[in-house]
Amino acid sequence: MRKVLDTAKSLWIAPIIISLLLCSCSNNEKNKKNTENPEPKQQQLGAETQGDEIPEQLESLENSIEKIILTLDGPAIELEKGKQQEKNRENEKKETDKEQGGQGKNQAEEKDGSTKEGNGGKQNEDSKDEGDKDKGGEKEGKESGGSNKEGTGQGNEPSATGMEEQKEDPWKEIDKTINILHYQWNSYTPLAAKKNAGSDLIDGFSTALNSLTDTIISKNKTNTLLAASYLYAYVPDFYSLYRTETSPEIKRVRYYTRNAMLNAMTANWEQADSDVKNLKTIWNMYKNIIPEEQKELSSQLDYSIQEFEKVLSDKNQSLCDIKGRVVMSNIQALEESMQ
């Protein structure tokens, strides 16, 4: 596994530099064009991003990986588009349930109506006798109900065991997500190949996805989080296939932050230290191309990374989790502000 990680790291460094250089060149060309021939901003953005819009399939892949980590209370984010997709699915389910419930209610009412018509005469004859019985039984029921409530002392409150049973098993949700992830990957693979994604990248993601699936079957939380993080390592490389105004290296900053947190959680301090070093290398290059409008968010992220590095060097596991989540939050804020 270490050999695979070392190989992957060496392959990532070159795309990082190229991506940052391309982003810088793109900004220079943009400024030159604005000076020579000013155009409306909307038209410029449309011309730059035409043909390089990030596919929904890739965004769905990223969101599913984050969802698996989030379900296990790991350091994750929830993408805005992923939130909207989840909300749409919930609304569709509610509408379907509402329609089905309405149909069932109408059928029940029709059946109940016909039953009442057929038994109307008999009910009128028996109503008087039943009314007398109900009056006598009502008093007994109240007395009996009062004594039962006093005897149990619980009333209608659910027991602790019942509450535990109501709590949903996270692995059921993860099983659904990993199955969806395989379909999403199958849908995105041709698009990645069309963008000339290397066979090493495609095969690497496929192998990591299968490895994550096998790990989920074992229901080991720590190993699943690490396997999901390793799968996410390929996400920035797929985003690098597309020319966009913002560099995808912010996602690689997220990967190394999360990986350092997870390795600190397992007391694998050597690997965690290596992750932080890679994090700082990429961040120091990336922060130089951040626009002036995001400088304050950039500064917040910069300081949070320094604090995270400090507690990690002290091998303080609890603080590593707290400071790491602060870094993750700042990464998300910066990324969303640049979109």
Protein backbone atom coordinates (compact mmCIF):
# COMPACT_ATOMS: atom_id res chain seq x y z
CA MET A 1 0.00 0.00 0.00
CA ARG A 2 2.87 2.41 0.85
CA LYS A 3 4.41 1.78 -2.58
CA VAL A 4 1.11 2.58 -4.25
CA LEU A 5 0.76 5.80 -2.22
CA ASP A 6 4.33 6.90 -3.07
CA THR A 7 3.69 6.27 -6.77
CA ALA A 8 0.40 8.16 -6.63
CA LYS A 9 2.05 11.13 -4.87
CA SER A 10 4.76 11.36 -7.52
CA LEU A 11 2.14 11.33 -10.26
CA TRP A 12 0.15 14.10 -8.55
CA ILE A 13 2.96 16.67 -8.27
CA ALA A 14 3.30 17.23 -12.03
CA PRO A 15 -0.44 17.88 -12.64
CA ILE A 16 -0.48 20.29 -9.70
CA ILE A 17 2.22 22.52 -11.20
CA ILE A 18 0.72 22.32 -14.70
CA SER A 19 -2.76 23.11 -13.39
CA LEU A 20 -1.57 26.15 -11.48
CA LEU A 21 0.47 27.44 -14.46
CA LEU A 22 -2.49 27.02 -16.82
CA CYS A 23 -4.75 28.84 -14.38
CA SER A 24 -2.24 31.70 -14.12
CA CYS A 25 -1.83 31.93 -17.91
CA SER A 26 -5.58 31.92 -18.33
CA ASN A 27 -5.91 34.88 -15.96
CA ASN A 28 -3.19 36.83 -17.83
CA GLU A 29 -4.85 36.23 -21.20
CA LYS A 30 -8.19 37.25 -19.72
CA ASN A 31 -6.77 40.57 -18.43
CA LYS A 32 -5.17 41.27 -21.81
CA LYS A 33 -8.41 40.65 -23.68
CA ASN A 34 -10.32 42.88 -21.28
CA THR A 35 -7.90 45.74 -22.00
CA GLU A 36 -7.87 45.36 -25.79
CA ASN A 37 -11.53 44.57 -26.36
CA PRO A 38 -13.82 44.96 -23.35
CA GLU A 39 -16.95 42.81 -23.49
CA PRO A 40 -19.87 42.19 -21.15
CA LYS A 41 -18.76 39.96 -18.26
CA GLN A 42 -21.46 37.34 -18.88
CA GLN A 43 -20.36 36.84 -22.48
CA GLN A 44 -16.72 36.45 -21.42
CA LEU A 45 -17.58 33.84 -18.82
CA GLY A 46 -19.72 31.95 -21.29
CA ALA A 47 -16.93 31.87 -23.87
CA GLU A 48 -14.32 30.71 -21.35
CA THR A 49 -16.33 27.90 -19.83
CA GLN A 50 -17.97 26.67 -23.02
CA GLY A 51 -17.13 23.00 -23.55
CA ASP A 52 -15.41 22.75 -20.16
CA GLU A 53 -18.38 22.67 -17.82
CA ILE A 54 -17.89 20.13 -15.05
CA PRO A 55 -20.13 17.10 -15.76
CA GLU A 56 -22.90 16.38 -13.30
CA GLN A 57 -21.70 12.75 -13.14
CA LEU A 58 -18.34 13.84 -11.71
CA GLU A 59 -19.97 16.10 -9.14
CA SER A 60 -22.26 13.22 -8.15
CA LEU A 61 -19.23 10.95 -7.68
CA GLU A 62 -17.59 13.45 -5.37
CA ASN A 63 -20.81 14.00 -3.43
CA SER A 64 -21.34 10.25 -2.89
CA ILE A 65 -17.82 9.82 -1.48
CA GLU A 66 -18.41 12.75 0.88
CA LYS A 67 -21.76 11.25 1.89
CA ILE A 68 -20.15 7.94 2.92
CA ILE A 69 -17.63 9.77 5.10
CA LEU A 70 -20.32 12.05 6.53
CA THR A 71 -22.57 9.09 7.41
CA LEU A 72 -19.79 7.68 9.59
CA ASP A 73 -19.29 11.08 11.29
CA GLY A 74 -15.99 11.55 9.49
CA PRO A 75 -14.50 14.89 8.33
CA ALA A 76 -16.60 15.61 5.24
CA ILE A 77 -18.46 18.35 3.42
CA GLU A 78 -21.82 18.33 1.70
CA LEU A 79 -21.75 19.89 -1.74
CA GLU A 80 -24.49 22.43 -2.52
CA LYS A 81 -25.60 20.53 -5.62
CA GLY A 82 -25.64 17.33 -3.62
CA LYS A 83 -27.90 18.98 -1.03
CA GLN A 84 -30.27 20.14 -3.77
CA GLN A 85 -30.36 16.70 -5.41
CA GLU A 86 -31.11 15.08 -2.06
CA LYS A 87 -33.85 17.63 -1.38
CA ASN A 88 -35.41 16.99 -4.79
CA ARG A 89 -35.43 13.24 -4.16
CA GLU A 90 -37.10 13.75 -0.77
CA ASN A 91 -39.76 16.01 -2.31
CA GLU A 92 -40.46 13.49 -5.06
CA LYS A 93 -40.80 10.72 -2.46
CA LYS A 94 -43.21 12.84 -0.40
CA GLU A 95 -45.34 13.56 -3.47
CA THR A 96 -45.43 9.86 -4.38
CA ASP A 97 -46.36 8.85 -0.83
CA LYS A 98 -49.03 11.55 -0.76
CA GLU A 99 -50.57 10.33 -4.03
CA GLN A 100 -50.51 6.72 -2.91
CA GLY A 101 -51.97 7.68 0.48
CA GLY A 102 -54.76 9.65 -1.19
CA GLN A 103 -55.68 6.73 -3.44
CA GLY A 104 -55.73 4.33 -0.50
CA LYS A 105 -57.89 6.73 1.53
CA ASN A 106 -60.43 7.08 -1.28
CA GLN A 107 -60.66 3.32 -1.68
CA ALA A 108 -61.13 2.89 2.07
CA GLU A 109 -63.85 5.53 2.16
CA GLU A 110 -65.70 3.90 -0.73
CA LYS A 111 -65.51 0.49 0.96
CA ASP A 112 -66.56 1.95 4.33
CA GLY A 113 -69.51 3.72 2.70
CA SER A 114 -70.83 0.58 1.08
CA THR A 115 -70.46 -1.32 4.35
CA LYS A 116 -72.41 1.33 6.22
CA GLU A 117 -75.23 1.21 3.69
CA GLY A 118 -75.48 -2.58 3.93
CA ASN A 119 -75.48 -2.66 7.71
CA GLY A 120 -77.40 0.54 8.34
CA GLY A 121 -80.59 -1.18 9.53
CA LYS A 122 -78.82 -3.50 11.90
CA GLN A 123 -76.77 -0.69 13.36
CA ASN A 124 -79.89 1.32 14.16
CA GLU A 125 -81.41 -1.65 15.99
CA ASP A 126 -78.30 -2.37 18.04
CA SER A 127 -77.28 1.24 18.73
CA LYS A 128 -79.42 1.60 21.82
CA ASP A 129 -78.09 -1.56 23.49
CA GLU A 130 -74.50 -0.71 22.56
CA GLY A 131 -74.94 2.80 23.93
CA ASP A 132 -75.98 1.44 27.30
CA LYS A 133 -73.05 -0.96 27.35
CA ASP A 134 -70.61 1.82 26.42
CA LYS A 135 -71.77 3.97 29.29
CA GLY A 136 -71.14 1.18 31.76
CA GLY A 137 -67.81 0.22 30.18
CA GLU A 138 -66.57 3.81 30.00
CA LYS A 139 -66.44 4.12 33.77
CA GLU A 140 -64.65 0.80 34.15
CA GLY A 141 -62.20 1.73 31.41
CA LYS A 142 -61.26 4.98 33.11
CA GLU A 143 -60.64 3.25 36.42
CA SER A 144 -58.65 0.48 34.76
CA GLY A 145 -56.61 2.96 32.67
CA GLY A 146 -55.77 5.03 35.72
CA SER A 147 -54.55 2.05 37.70
CA ASN A 148 -52.45 0.76 34.79
CA LYS A 149 -50.75 4.13 34.37
CA GLU A 150 -49.96 4.32 38.07
CA GLY A 151 -48.66 0.73 38.10
CA THR A 152 -46.27 1.10 35.20
CA GLY A 153 -45.22 4.69 35.89
CA GLN A 154 -44.28 5.01 32.17
CA GLY A 155 -47.47 6.01 30.39
CA ASN A 156 -46.86 6.30 26.63
CA GLU A 157 -43.12 7.10 26.85
CA PRO A 158 -40.95 4.83 24.62
CA SER A 159 -38.43 2.59 26.34
CA ALA A 160 -34.69 3.01 25.87
CA THR A 161 -34.60 -0.21 23.88
CA GLY A 162 -37.31 1.10 21.56
CA MET A 163 -35.36 4.31 20.92
CA GLU A 164 -32.25 2.32 20.03
CA GLU A 165 -34.25 0.23 17.58
CA GLN A 166 -35.62 3.39 15.95
CA LYS A 167 -32.09 4.72 15.36
CA GLU A 168 -31.19 3.96 11.76
CA ASP A 169 -28.21 1.72 11.06
CA PRO A 170 -25.63 3.90 9.17
CA TRP A 171 -24.37 0.89 7.22
CA LYS A 172 -27.74 0.52 5.51
CA GLU A 173 -27.42 4.07 4.17
CA ILE A 174 -23.79 3.44 3.18
CA ASP A 175 -24.78 0.25 1.32
CA LYS A 176 -27.23 2.29 -0.75
CA THR A 177 -24.66 5.01 -1.43
CA ILE A 178 -21.88 2.62 -2.52
CA ASN A 179 -24.25 0.88 -4.92
CA ILE A 180 -25.23 4.23 -6.43
CA LEU A 181 -21.52 5.16 -6.62
CA HIS A 182 -20.79 2.18 -8.89
CA TYR A 183 -23.54 3.30 -11.30
CA GLN A 184 -22.24 6.88 -11.20
CA TRP A 185 -18.74 5.70 -12.00
CA ASN A 186 -20.00 3.61 -14.90
CA SER A 187 -21.82 6.69 -16.21
CA TYR A 188 -18.80 8.98 -15.88
CA THR A 189 -16.07 6.65 -17.21
CA PRO A 190 -16.80 7.30 -20.93
CA LEU A 191 -16.75 11.05 -20.29
CA ALA A 192 -13.37 10.80 -18.57
CA ALA A 193 -11.98 8.73 -21.44
CA LYS A 194 -13.31 11.28 -23.91
CA LYS A 195 -11.32 13.93 -22.04
CA ASN A 196 -8.17 11.79 -22.49
CA ALA A 197 -7.97 10.65 -18.88
CA GLY A 198 -5.02 8.30 -18.51
CA SER A 199 -5.56 4.59 -18.03
CA ASP A 200 -3.64 4.81 -14.73
CA LEU A 201 -6.17 7.33 -13.45
CA ILE A 202 -9.24 5.36 -14.57
CA ASP A 203 -7.88 2.00 -13.42
CA GLY A 204 -6.68 3.49 -10.14
CA PHE A 205 -10.11 4.90 -9.30
CA SER A 206 -11.80 1.64 -10.29
CA THR A 207 -9.49 -0.41 -8.07
CA ALA A 208 -9.92 2.00 -5.15
CA LEU A 209 -13.72 1.87 -5.57
CA ASN A 210 -13.72 -1.92 -5.42
CA SER A 211 -11.46 -1.81 -2.38
CA LEU A 212 -13.82 0.63 -0.62
CA THR A 213 -16.78 -1.65 -1.40
CA ASP A 214 -15.03 -4.68 0.11
CA THR A 215 -14.13 -2.63 3.19
CA ILE A 216 -17.74 -1.50 3.63
CA ILE A 217 -18.87 -5.14 3.62
CA SER A 218 -16.65 -5.73 6.68
CA LYS A 219 -18.35 -2.78 8.45
CA ASN A 220 -15.12 -1.45 9.92
CA LYS A 221 -15.59 2.29 10.48
CA THR A 222 -11.92 3.35 10.56
CA ASN A 223 -10.89 1.30 7.54
CA THR A 224 -13.94 2.52 5.60
CA LEU A 225 -13.06 6.16 6.31
CA LEU A 226 -9.47 5.60 5.17
CA ALA A 227 -10.59 3.73 2.04
CA ALA A 228 -13.08 6.49 1.17
CA SER A 229 -10.38 9.12 1.65
CA TYR A 230 -8.01 7.18 -0.62
CA LEU A 231 -10.73 7.00 -3.29
CA TYR A 232 -11.23 10.78 -3.03
CA ALA A 233 -7.52 11.23 -3.85
CA TYR A 234 -8.40 10.64 -7.54
CA VAL A 235 -11.16 13.28 -7.62
CA PRO A 236 -8.86 16.33 -8.09
CA ASP A 237 -7.19 14.59 -11.05
CA PHE A 238 -10.55 14.15 -12.79
CA TYR A 239 -11.40 17.81 -12.20
CA SER A 240 -8.01 18.72 -13.69
CA LEU A 241 -9.23 17.36 -17.04
CA TYR A 242 -11.43 20.45 -17.41
CA ARG A 243 -10.36 24.04 -17.96
CA THR A 244 -12.15 26.17 -15.40
CA GLU A 245 -11.60 29.58 -13.83
CA THR A 246 -10.84 28.04 -10.43
CA SER A 247 -8.07 25.52 -9.91
CA PRO A 248 -9.17 22.05 -8.71
CA GLU A 249 -6.15 21.92 -6.41
CA ILE A 250 -8.34 23.17 -3.57
CA LYS A 251 -9.80 19.65 -3.59
CA ARG A 252 -6.33 18.19 -3.18
CA VAL A 253 -5.85 20.49 -0.17
CA ARG A 254 -9.03 18.93 1.21
CA TYR A 255 -7.76 15.40 0.53
CA TYR A 256 -4.47 15.85 2.40
CA THR A 257 -6.20 17.61 5.31
CA ARG A 258 -8.69 14.80 5.73
CA ASN A 259 -6.08 12.09 5.28
CA ALA A 260 -3.88 13.69 7.93
CA MET A 261 -6.87 13.80 10.32
CA LEU A 262 -7.72 10.13 9.75
CA ASN A 263 -4.12 8.99 10.15
CA ALA A 264 -3.84 11.04 13.34
CA MET A 265 -7.01 9.32 14.56
CA THR A 266 -5.31 5.94 14.11
CA ALA A 267 -2.03 7.25 15.63
CA ASN A 268 -0.24 6.77 12.30
CA TRP A 269 1.79 9.92 12.97
CA GLU A 270 4.41 9.30 10.31
CA GLN A 271 1.83 9.21 7.51
CA ALA A 272 -0.10 12.11 9.06
CA ASP A 273 3.07 14.20 9.09
CA SER A 274 3.70 13.33 5.43
CA ASP A 275 0.13 14.37 4.57
CA VAL A 276 0.56 17.75 6.28
CA LYS A 277 3.80 18.40 4.40
CA ASN A 278 2.06 17.68 1.08
CA LEU A 279 -0.86 19.85 2.22
CA LYS A 280 1.45 22.81 2.89
CA THR A 281 3.31 22.38 -0.41
CA ILE A 282 0.12 22.50 -2.46
CA TRP A 283 -1.46 25.26 -0.38
CA ASN A 284 1.61 27.51 -0.62
CA MET A 285 1.40 27.30 -4.42
CA TYR A 286 -2.37 27.59 -4.60
CA LYS A 287 -2.80 30.62 -2.33
CA ASN A 288 -0.67 32.75 -4.69
CA ILE A 289 -3.35 32.67 -7.40
CA ILE A 290 -6.34 33.39 -5.15
CA PRO A 291 -8.15 36.61 -6.20
CA GLU A 292 -8.07 39.67 -3.96
CA GLU A 293 -11.77 39.27 -3.12
CA GLN A 294 -11.06 35.99 -1.32
CA LYS A 295 -7.92 37.10 0.53
CA GLU A 296 -9.66 37.21 3.91
CA LEU A 297 -10.95 33.64 3.56
CA SER A 298 -7.53 32.62 2.29
CA SER A 299 -5.92 34.13 5.38
CA GLN A 300 -8.33 32.27 7.67
CA LEU A 301 -7.50 28.98 5.95
CA ASP A 302 -3.77 29.74 6.14
CA TYR A 303 -3.87 30.29 9.90
CA SER A 304 -6.04 27.22 10.48
CA ILE A 305 -3.54 25.05 8.59
CA GLN A 306 -0.73 26.38 10.79
CA GLU A 307 -2.67 25.55 13.95
CA PHE A 308 -3.54 22.11 12.61
CA GLU A 309 0.12 21.41 11.89
CA LYS A 310 1.08 22.47 15.42
CA VAL A 311 -1.35 20.13 17.24
CA LEU A 312 -0.41 17.31 14.89
CA SER A 313 3.27 17.77 15.69
CA ASP A 314 2.27 17.55 19.38
CA LYS A 315 0.42 14.28 18.58
CA ASN A 316 -2.72 15.54 20.24
CA GLN A 317 -5.47 13.37 18.73
CA SER A 318 -8.50 15.21 20.11
CA LEU A 319 -7.19 18.61 19.02
CA CYS A 320 -6.21 17.20 15.62
CA ASP A 321 -9.85 16.34 15.02
CA ILE A 322 -11.08 19.79 16.12
CA LYS A 323 -8.43 21.83 14.28
CA GLY A 324 -8.73 19.60 11.23
CA ARG A 325 -12.46 20.19 11.00
CA VAL A 326 -11.82 23.94 11.19
CA VAL A 327 -9.49 23.60 8.21
CA MET A 328 -12.11 21.55 6.33
CA SER A 329 -14.73 24.22 7.02
CA ASN A 330 -12.43 26.99 5.77
CA ILE A 331 -11.63 25.01 2.62
CA GLN A 332 -15.32 24.64 1.85
CA ALA A 333 -15.99 28.36 2.47
CA LEU A 334 -13.13 29.38 0.17
CA GLU A 335 -14.12 26.94 -2.57
CA GLU A 336 -17.77 28.06 -2.54
CA SER A 337 -16.79 31.74 -2.64
CA MET A 338 -14.74 31.17 -5.79
CA GLN A 339 -17.47 29.36 -7.73
